[in-house]
């Protein structure tokens, strides 16, 4: 049984919603999510996870364009 299923709160600053996913802290910092955690993984609520996915999607699209233009 993990921490999310036990009912841990979102790790983002000033958020008190229950977490739905855990992600590496590096991904969250790249997406611009502010946390006060110093652990390796952070826990995100549904809205913060959605913002993370949106930012990651943009970065992945740019990476694909970079690789396509090199070929």
PDB file of N, CA and C in Angstrom:
ATOM      1  N   UNK A   1       0.853  -1.177   0.000  1.00  0.00           N
ATOM      2  CA  UNK A   1       0.000   0.000   0.000  1.00  0.00           C
ATOM      3  C   UNK A   1       0.895   1.234   0.000  1.00  0.00           C
ATOM      4  N   UNK A   2       0.698   2.087  -0.993  1.00  0.00           N
ATOM      5  CA  UNK A   2       1.537   3.267  -1.124  1.00  0.00           C
ATOM      6  C   UNK A   2       1.003   4.462  -0.366  1.00  0.00           C
ATOM      7  N   UNK A   3       1.753   5.533  -0.428  1.00  0.00           N
ATOM      8  CA  UNK A   3       1.378   6.747   0.299  1.00  0.00           C
ATOM      9  C   UNK A   3       0.152   7.420  -0.307  1.00  0.00           C
ATOM     10  N   UNK A   4       0.001   7.343  -1.635  1.00  0.00           N
ATOM     11  CA  UNK A   4      -1.137   7.977  -2.290  1.00  0.00           C
ATOM     12  C   UNK A   4      -2.429   7.316  -1.821  1.00  0.00           C
ATOM     13  N   UNK A   5      -2.437   5.999  -1.772  1.00  0.00           N
ATOM     14  CA  UNK A   5      -3.650   5.293  -1.345  1.00  0.00           C
ATOM     15  C   UNK A   5      -3.920   5.470   0.145  1.00  0.00           C
ATOM     16  N   UNK A   6      -2.906   5.851   0.902  1.00  0.00           N
ATOM     17  CA  UNK A   6      -3.105   6.105   2.324  1.00  0.00           C
ATOM     18  C   UNK A   6      -3.665   7.504   2.584  1.00  0.00           C
ATOM     19  N   UNK A   7      -3.648   8.377   1.555  1.00  0.00           N
ATOM     20  CA  UNK A   7      -4.278   9.686   1.695  1.00  0.00           C
ATOM     21  C   UNK A   7      -3.319  10.838   1.920  1.00  0.00           C
ATOM     22  N   UNK A   8      -2.117  10.782   1.356  1.00  0.00           N
ATOM     23  CA  UNK A   8      -1.162  11.886   1.492  1.00  0.00           C
ATOM     24  C   UNK A   8      -1.665  13.104   0.720  1.00  0.00           C
ATOM     25  N   UNK A   9      -1.320  14.282   1.174  1.00  0.00           N
ATOM     26  CA  UNK A   9      -1.745  15.538   0.540  1.00  0.00           C
ATOM     27  C   UNK A   9      -0.772  15.917  -0.578  1.00  0.00           C
ATOM     28  N   UNK A  10      -1.196  16.827  -1.431  1.00  0.00           N
ATOM     29  CA  UNK A  10      -0.383  17.328  -2.537  1.00  0.00           C
ATOM     30  C   UNK A  10       0.846  18.048  -1.988  1.00  0.00           C
ATOM     31  N   UNK A  11       1.996  17.850  -2.639  1.00  0.00           N
ATOM     32  CA  UNK A  11       3.249  18.450  -2.183  1.00  0.00           C
ATOM     33  C   UNK A  11       3.477  19.854  -2.725  1.00  0.00           C
ATOM     34  N   UNK A  12       2.636  20.324  -3.632  1.00  0.00           N
ATOM     35  CA  UNK A  12       2.793  21.661  -4.189  1.00  0.00           C
ATOM     36  C   UNK A  12       2.494  22.696  -3.106  1.00  0.00           C
ATOM     37  N   UNK A  13       3.176  23.840  -3.194  1.00  0.00           N
ATOM     38  CA  UNK A  13       2.992  24.890  -2.195  1.00  0.00           C
ATOM     39  C   UNK A  13       1.551  25.377  -2.175  1.00  0.00           C
ATOM     40  N   UNK A  14       1.031  25.590  -0.998  1.00  0.00           N
ATOM     41  CA  UNK A  14      -0.311  26.113  -0.718  1.00  0.00           C
ATOM     42  C   UNK A  14      -1.432  25.265  -1.329  1.00  0.00           C
ATOM     43  N   UNK A  15      -1.245  23.965  -1.429  1.00  0.00           N
ATOM     44  CA  UNK A  15      -2.279  23.067  -1.935  1.00  0.00           C
ATOM     45  C   UNK A  15      -2.583  22.035  -0.856  1.00  0.00           C
ATOM     46  N   UNK A  16      -3.838  21.838  -0.571  1.00  0.00           N
ATOM     47  CA  UNK A  16      -4.236  20.889   0.468  1.00  0.00           C
ATOM     48  C   UNK A  16      -5.099  19.757  -0.084  1.00  0.00           C
ATOM     49  N   UNK A  17      -5.163  19.629  -1.398  1.00  0.00           N
ATOM     50  CA  UNK A  17      -5.948  18.567  -2.020  1.00  0.00           C
ATOM     51  C   UNK A  17      -5.250  17.219  -1.855  1.00  0.00           C
ATOM     52  N   UNK A  18      -5.998  16.122  -1.895  1.00  0.00           N
ATOM     53  CA  UNK A  18      -5.370  14.804  -1.798  1.00  0.00           C
ATOM     54  C   UNK A  18      -4.587  14.470  -3.069  1.00  0.00           C
ATOM     55  N   UNK A  19      -3.476  13.811  -2.911  1.00  0.00           N
ATOM     56  CA  UNK A  19      -2.615  13.453  -4.044  1.00  0.00           C
ATOM     57  C   UNK A  19      -3.206  12.279  -4.810  1.00  0.00           C
ATOM     58  N   UNK A  20      -2.970  12.263  -6.129  1.00  0.00           N
ATOM     59  CA  UNK A  20      -3.414  11.151  -6.958  1.00  0.00           C
ATOM     60  C   UNK A  20      -2.250  10.448  -7.638  1.00  0.00           C
ATOM     61  N   UNK A  21      -1.085  11.114  -7.733  1.00  0.00           N
ATOM     62  CA  UNK A  21       0.082  10.529  -8.386  1.00  0.00           C
ATOM     63  C   UNK A  21       1.355  10.964  -7.679  1.00  0.00           C
ATOM     64  N   UNK A  22       2.393  10.151  -7.817  1.00  0.00           N
ATOM     65  CA  UNK A  22       3.709  10.557  -7.338  1.00  0.00           C
ATOM     66  C   UNK A  22       4.637  10.626  -8.540  1.00  0.00           C
ATOM     67  N   UNK A  23       5.484  11.636  -8.570  1.00  0.00           N
ATOM     68  CA  UNK A  23       6.406  11.848  -9.691  1.00  0.00           C
ATOM     69  C   UNK A  23       7.769  12.229  -9.147  1.00  0.00           C
ATOM     70  N   UNK A  24       8.824  12.040  -9.948  1.00  0.00           N
ATOM     71  CA  UNK A  24      10.146  12.498  -9.518  1.00  0.00           C
ATOM     72  C   UNK A  24      10.169  14.020  -9.379  1.00  0.00           C
ATOM     73  N   UNK A  25      10.904  14.505  -8.428  1.00  0.00           N
ATOM     74  CA  UNK A  25      10.939  15.940  -8.153  1.00  0.00           C
ATOM     75  C   UNK A  25      11.545  16.715  -9.319  1.00  0.00           C
ATOM     76  N   UNK A  26      12.430  16.093 -10.094  1.00  0.00           N
ATOM     77  CA  UNK A  26      13.034  16.767 -11.252  1.00  0.00           C
ATOM     78  C   UNK A  26      11.977  17.149 -12.284  1.00  0.00           C
ATOM     79  N   UNK A  27      11.040  16.234 -12.549  1.00  0.00           N
ATOM     80  CA  UNK A  27       9.980  16.525 -13.517  1.00  0.00           C
ATOM     81  C   UNK A  27       9.117  17.687 -13.058  1.00  0.00           C
ATOM     82  N   UNK A  28       8.817  17.731 -11.792  1.00  0.00           N
ATOM     83  CA  UNK A  28       7.968  18.802 -11.272  1.00  0.00           C
ATOM     84  C   UNK A  28       8.677  20.147 -11.354  1.00  0.00           C
ATOM     85  N   UNK A  29       9.948  20.177 -11.063  1.00  0.00           N
ATOM     86  CA  UNK A  29      10.694  21.448 -11.146  1.00  0.00           C
ATOM     87  C   UNK A  29      10.800  21.931 -12.577  1.00  0.00           C
ATOM     88  N   UNK A  30      10.992  21.005 -13.534  1.00  0.00           N
ATOM     89  CA  UNK A  30      11.046  21.393 -14.940  1.00  0.00           C
ATOM     90  C   UNK A  30       9.712  21.960 -15.403  1.00  0.00           C
ATOM     91  N   UNK A  31       8.619  21.477 -14.833  1.00  0.00           N
ATOM     92  CA  UNK A  31       7.287  21.950 -15.212  1.00  0.00           C
ATOM     93  C   UNK A  31       6.912  23.233 -14.489  1.00  0.00           C
ATOM     94  N   UNK A  32       7.728  23.680 -13.539  1.00  0.00           N
ATOM     95  CA  UNK A  32       7.473  24.928 -12.842  1.00  0.00           C
ATOM     96  C   UNK A  32       6.582  24.796 -11.620  1.00  0.00           C
ATOM     97  N   UNK A  33       6.430  23.588 -11.098  1.00  0.00           N
ATOM     98  CA  UNK A  33       5.624  23.396  -9.891  1.00  0.00           C
ATOM     99  C   UNK A  33       6.509  23.627  -8.685  1.00  0.00           C
ATOM    100  N   UNK A  34       6.109  24.572  -7.836  1.00  0.00           N
ATOM    101  CA  UNK A  34       6.900  24.918  -6.652  1.00  0.00           C
ATOM    102  C   UNK A  34       6.575  23.967  -5.505  1.00  0.00           C
ATOM    103  N   UNK A  35       7.635  23.413  -4.909  1.00  0.00           N
ATOM    104  CA  UNK A  35       7.465  22.529  -3.761  1.00  0.00           C
ATOM    105  C   UNK A  35       8.472  22.907  -2.692  1.00  0.00           C
ATOM    106  N   UNK A  36       8.152  22.551  -1.470  1.00  0.00           N
ATOM    107  CA  UNK A  36       9.099  22.772  -0.381  1.00  0.00           C
ATOM    108  C   UNK A  36       9.745  21.459   0.029  1.00  0.00           C
ATOM    109  N   UNK A  37       9.477  20.413  -0.706  1.00  0.00           N
ATOM    110  CA  UNK A  37       9.981  19.083  -0.384  1.00  0.00           C
ATOM    111  C   UNK A  37      11.430  18.920  -0.844  1.00  0.00           C
ATOM    112  N   UNK A  38      12.189  18.156  -0.083  1.00  0.00           N
ATOM    113  CA  UNK A  38      13.568  17.841  -0.465  1.00  0.00           C
ATOM    114  C   UNK A  38      13.714  16.351  -0.753  1.00  0.00           C
ATOM    115  N   UNK A  39      12.590  15.646  -0.816  1.00  0.00           N
ATOM    116  CA  UNK A  39      12.616  14.216  -1.101  1.00  0.00           C
ATOM    117  C   UNK A  39      12.803  13.983  -2.590  1.00  0.00           C
ATOM    118  N   UNK A  40      13.028  12.716  -2.962  1.00  0.00           N
ATOM    119  CA  UNK A  40      13.229  12.384  -4.366  1.00  0.00           C
ATOM    120  C   UNK A  40      11.929  12.383  -5.155  1.00  0.00           C
ATOM    121  N   UNK A  41      10.821  12.053  -4.512  1.00  0.00           N
ATOM    122  CA  UNK A  41       9.522  12.022  -5.175  1.00  0.00           C
ATOM    123  C   UNK A  41       8.572  12.987  -4.482  1.00  0.00           C
ATOM    124  N   UNK A  42       7.674  13.551  -5.269  1.00  0.00           N
ATOM    125  CA  UNK A  42       6.647  14.415  -4.688  1.00  0.00           C
ATOM    126  C   UNK A  42       5.292  13.865  -5.100  1.00  0.00           C
ATOM    127  N   UNK A  43       4.274  14.322  -4.419  1.00  0.00           N
ATOM    128  CA  UNK A  43       2.925  13.838  -4.628  1.00  0.00           C
ATOM    129  C   UNK A  43       2.073  14.992  -5.118  1.00  0.00           C
ATOM    130  N   UNK A  44       1.312  14.752  -6.211  1.00  0.00           N
ATOM    131  CA  UNK A  44       0.548  15.814  -6.838  1.00  0.00           C
ATOM    132  C   UNK A  44      -0.941  15.489  -6.884  1.00  0.00           C
ATOM    133  N   UNK A  45      -1.753  16.524  -6.710  1.00  0.00           N
ATOM    134  CA  UNK A  45      -3.204  16.376  -6.844  1.00  0.00           C
ATOM    135  C   UNK A  45      -3.539  16.334  -8.337  1.00  0.00           C
ATOM    136  N   UNK A  46      -4.799  16.170  -8.637  1.00  0.00           N
ATOM    137  CA  UNK A  46      -5.223  16.026 -10.026  1.00  0.00           C
ATOM    138  C   UNK A  46      -4.912  17.269 -10.862  1.00  0.00           C
ATOM    139  N   UNK A  47      -5.151  18.457 -10.315  1.00  0.00           N
ATOM    140  CA  UNK A  47      -4.925  19.685 -11.097  1.00  0.00           C
ATOM    141  C   UNK A  47      -3.436  19.945 -11.328  1.00  0.00           C
ATOM    142  N   UNK A  48      -2.591  19.712 -10.324  1.00  0.00           N
ATOM    143  CA  UNK A  48      -1.157  19.905 -10.516  1.00  0.00           C
ATOM    144  C   UNK A  48      -0.571  18.837 -11.442  1.00  0.00           C
ATOM    145  N   UNK A  49      -1.091  17.624 -11.382  1.00  0.00           N
ATOM    146  CA  UNK A  49      -0.618  16.579 -12.281  1.00  0.00           C
ATOM    147  C   UNK A  49      -0.986  16.912 -13.724  1.00  0.00           C
ATOM    148  N   UNK A  50      -2.170  17.492 -13.913  1.00  0.00           N
ATOM    149  CA  UNK A  50      -2.591  17.907 -15.248  1.00  0.00           C
ATOM    150  C   UNK A  50      -1.660  18.982 -15.798  1.00  0.00           C
ATOM    151  N   UNK A  51      -1.267  19.933 -14.955  1.00  0.00           N
ATOM    152  CA  UNK A  51      -0.327  20.978 -15.374  1.00  0.00           C
ATOM    153  C   UNK A  51       1.035  20.377 -15.719  1.00  0.00           C
ATOM    154  N   UNK A  52       1.459  19.388 -14.953  1.00  0.00           N
ATOM    155  CA  UNK A  52       2.727  18.708 -15.223  1.00  0.00           C
ATOM    156  C   UNK A  52       2.682  18.006 -16.575  1.00  0.00           C
ATOM    157  N   UNK A  53       1.590  17.299 -16.856  1.00  0.00           N
ATOM    158  CA  UNK A  53       1.460  16.605 -18.131  1.00  0.00           C
ATOM    159  C   UNK A  53       1.485  17.584 -19.298  1.00  0.00           C
ATOM    160  N   UNK A  54       0.833  18.720 -19.123  1.00  0.00           N
ATOM    161  CA  UNK A  54       0.788  19.725 -20.192  1.00  0.00           C
ATOM    162  C   UNK A  54       2.185  20.257 -20.494  1.00  0.00           C
ATOM    163  N   UNK A  55       2.952  20.545 -19.452  1.00  0.00           N
ATOM    164  CA  UNK A  55       4.314  21.049 -19.641  1.00  0.00           C
ATOM    165  C   UNK A  55       5.216  19.980 -20.259  1.00  0.00           C
ATOM    166  N   UNK A  56       5.078  18.748 -19.810  1.00  0.00           N
ATOM    167  CA  UNK A  56       5.892  17.663 -20.358  1.00  0.00           C
ATOM    168  C   UNK A  56       5.575  17.417 -21.820  1.00  0.00           C
ATOM    169  N   UNK A  57       4.297  17.530 -22.174  1.00  0.00           N
ATOM    170  CA  UNK A  57       3.891  17.313 -23.553  1.00  0.00           C
ATOM    171  C   UNK A  57       4.548  18.335 -24.478  1.00  0.00           C
ATOM    172  N   UNK A  58       4.606  19.595 -24.031  1.00  0.00           N
ATOM    173  CA  UNK A  58       5.254  20.631 -24.837  1.00  0.00           C
ATOM    174  C   UNK A  58       6.741  20.342 -25.008  1.00  0.00           C
ATOM    175  N   UNK A  59       7.407  19.950 -23.931  1.00  0.00           N
ATOM    176  CA  UNK A  59       8.842  19.642 -23.995  1.00  0.00           C
ATOM    177  C   UNK A  59       9.109  18.453 -24.902  1.00  0.00           C
ATOM    178  N   UNK A  60       8.291  17.421 -24.815  1.00  0.00           N
ATOM    179  CA  UNK A  60       8.490  16.243 -25.657  1.00  0.00           C
ATOM    180  C   UNK A  60       8.288  16.572 -27.126  1.00  0.00           C
ATOM    181  N   UNK A  61       7.315  17.451 -27.429  1.00  0.00           N
ATOM    182  CA  UNK A  61       7.081  17.856 -28.809  1.00  0.00           C
ATOM    183  C   UNK A  61       8.297  18.601 -29.356  1.00  0.00           C
ATOM    184  N   UNK A  62       8.881  19.488 -28.544  1.00  0.00           N
ATOM    185  CA  UNK A  62      10.070  20.212 -28.978  1.00  0.00           C
ATOM    186  C   UNK A  62      11.244  19.259 -29.211  1.00  0.00           C
ATOM    187  N   UNK A  63      11.401  18.272 -28.351  1.00  0.00           N
ATOM    188  CA  UNK A  63      12.476  17.292 -28.513  1.00  0.00           C
ATOM    189  C   UNK A  63      12.304  16.506 -29.803  1.00  0.00           C
ATOM    190  N   UNK A  64      11.071  16.108 -30.102  1.00  0.00           N
ATOM    191  CA  UNK A  64      10.828  15.360 -31.347  1.00  0.00           C
ATOM    192  C   UNK A  64      11.168  16.221 -32.556  1.00  0.00           C
ATOM    193  N   UNK A  65      10.825  17.509 -32.507  1.00  0.00           N
ATOM    194  CA  UNK A  65      11.151  18.403 -33.617  1.00  0.00           C
ATOM    195  C   UNK A  65      12.658  18.541 -33.767  1.00  0.00           C
ATOM    196  N   UNK A  66      13.374  18.629 -32.647  1.00  0.00           N
ATOM    197  CA  UNK A  66      14.835  18.732 -32.717  1.00  0.00           C
ATOM    198  C   UNK A  66      15.442  17.506 -33.357  1.00  0.00           C
ATOM    199  N   UNK A  67      14.971  16.319 -32.947  1.00  0.00           N
ATOM    200  CA  UNK A  67      15.512  15.089 -33.518  1.00  0.00           C
ATOM    201  C   UNK A  67      15.149  14.940 -34.980  1.00  0.00           C
ATOM    202  N   UNK A  68      13.965  15.366 -35.380  1.00  0.00           N
ATOM    203  CA  UNK A  68      13.535  15.259 -36.767  1.00  0.00           C
ATOM    204  C   UNK A  68      14.337  16.185 -37.671  1.00  0.00           C
ATOM    205  N   UNK A  69      14.691  17.345 -37.179  1.00  0.00           N
ATOM    206  CA  UNK A  69      15.431  18.299 -38.002  1.00  0.00           C
ATOM    207  C   UNK A  69      16.905  17.907 -38.150  1.00  0.00           C
ATOM    208  N   UNK A  70      17.418  17.088 -37.243  1.00  0.00           N
ATOM    209  CA  UNK A  70      18.816  16.650 -37.330  1.00  0.00           C
ATOM    210  C   UNK A  70      18.989  15.548 -38.373  1.00  0.00           C
ATOM    211  N   UNK A  71      17.948  14.757 -38.595  1.00  0.00           N
ATOM    212  CA  UNK A  71      18.024  13.593 -39.461  1.00  0.00           C
ATOM    213  C   UNK A  71      18.127  13.932 -40.875  1.00  0.00           C
TER     214      UNK A  71
END
